[in-house]
Amino acid sequence: VAQQAAPVSAGGAGAKIVAPMAGTILDVKVNVGDAVEVGQVVAILEAMKLENEVVSTASGVVKQVLVNKGQSVGNQEAIIIVG
């Protein structure tokens, strides 16, 4: 099941990739400094016992990874910043 997060502007700081729903981060597929493209899987989120792919909504370089494996996140919570 693939879920696409909606881009959220972060001013000049870059684009926020957000969790499409509340859940637990099972895996983070990128690191700071990695180049990403629109549609690239950046994290795996478990919600309601289903694994959901979180994809990048912007192309650029990963500036920040705001979550760790095993961390719970809320709906629309920023998980990665791409600039």
Protein backbone atom coordinates (compact mmCIF):
# COMPACT_ATOMS: atom_id res chain seq x y z
CA VAL A 1 0.00 0.00 0.00
CA ALA A 2 1.62 3.26 -1.08
CA GLN A 3 0.67 6.54 0.51
CA GLN A 4 1.87 9.87 -0.83
CA ALA A 5 2.39 12.71 1.59
CA ALA A 6 1.36 16.22 0.59
CA PRO A 7 4.18 18.76 0.35
CA VAL A 8 4.23 21.49 2.97
CA SER A 9 6.25 24.65 2.48
CA ALA A 10 8.92 25.35 5.06
CA GLY A 11 9.76 28.84 3.84
CA GLY A 12 13.29 28.92 2.44
CA ALA A 13 14.31 25.90 4.53
CA GLY A 14 13.07 23.29 2.08
CA ALA A 15 10.09 21.01 1.64
CA LYS A 16 8.71 18.98 4.51
CA ILE A 17 7.84 15.37 3.82
CA VAL A 18 5.10 14.49 6.28
CA ALA A 19 3.59 11.29 7.63
CA PRO A 20 0.36 10.60 5.72
CA MET A 21 -1.19 9.14 8.88
CA ALA A 22 -0.35 8.38 12.50
CA GLY A 23 1.81 5.32 13.00
CA THR A 24 5.27 3.96 13.78
CA ILE A 25 8.37 4.46 11.64
CA LEU A 26 9.65 0.99 10.66
CA ASP A 27 12.54 2.18 8.48
CA VAL A 28 14.15 5.35 7.20
CA LYS A 29 15.48 4.82 3.66
CA VAL A 30 17.54 8.04 3.33
CA ASN A 31 20.26 9.88 5.21
CA VAL A 32 21.23 13.54 5.44
CA GLY A 33 23.02 14.51 2.24
CA ASP A 34 21.30 11.92 0.04
CA ALA A 35 19.79 13.12 -3.24
CA VAL A 36 16.10 12.25 -3.62
CA GLU A 37 13.61 12.48 -6.48
CA VAL A 38 9.86 13.00 -6.42
CA GLY A 39 8.19 9.63 -5.77
CA GLN A 40 11.24 8.02 -4.16
CA VAL A 41 10.49 5.99 -1.02
CA VAL A 42 12.06 7.77 1.96
CA ALA A 43 10.49 5.88 4.88
CA ILE A 44 8.24 2.96 5.82
CA LEU A 45 5.39 3.74 8.21
CA GLU A 46 3.33 1.07 9.99
CA ALA A 47 -0.27 2.02 10.60
CA MET A 48 -3.08 -0.37 11.49
CA LYS A 49 -0.70 -3.34 10.97
CA LEU A 50 -0.04 -2.31 7.36
CA GLU A 51 3.30 -1.11 6.01
CA ASN A 52 2.96 2.15 4.07
CA GLU A 53 5.61 3.72 1.86
CA VAL A 54 6.21 7.41 2.47
CA VAL A 55 7.49 8.99 -0.74
CA SER A 56 9.28 12.23 -1.40
CA THR A 57 7.12 15.05 -2.69
CA ALA A 58 10.13 17.14 -3.73
CA SER A 59 13.44 16.63 -5.49
CA GLY A 60 16.62 17.77 -3.81
CA VAL A 61 19.02 16.85 -1.05
CA VAL A 62 17.93 15.55 2.37
CA LYS A 63 18.65 18.36 4.85
CA GLN A 64 17.22 16.74 7.99
CA VAL A 65 15.83 13.41 9.11
CA LEU A 66 13.47 14.18 11.98
CA VAL A 67 12.54 10.62 12.98
CA ASN A 68 14.19 7.35 14.02
CA LYS A 69 13.20 3.72 13.57
CA GLY A 70 10.57 2.74 16.12
CA GLN A 71 9.39 6.30 16.69
CA SER A 72 5.68 7.08 16.77
CA VAL A 73 4.51 9.94 14.58
CA GLY A 74 1.27 11.84 14.26
CA ASN A 75 -0.79 12.53 11.16
CA GLN A 76 0.90 15.17 8.96
CA GLU A 77 3.96 15.32 11.27
CA ALA A 78 7.13 16.34 9.41
CA ILE A 79 9.57 13.43 9.13
CA ILE A 80 12.14 14.61 6.55
CA ILE A 81 13.23 18.00 5.19
CA VAL A 82 14.37 18.14 1.54
CA GLY A 83 16.03 21.24 0.11
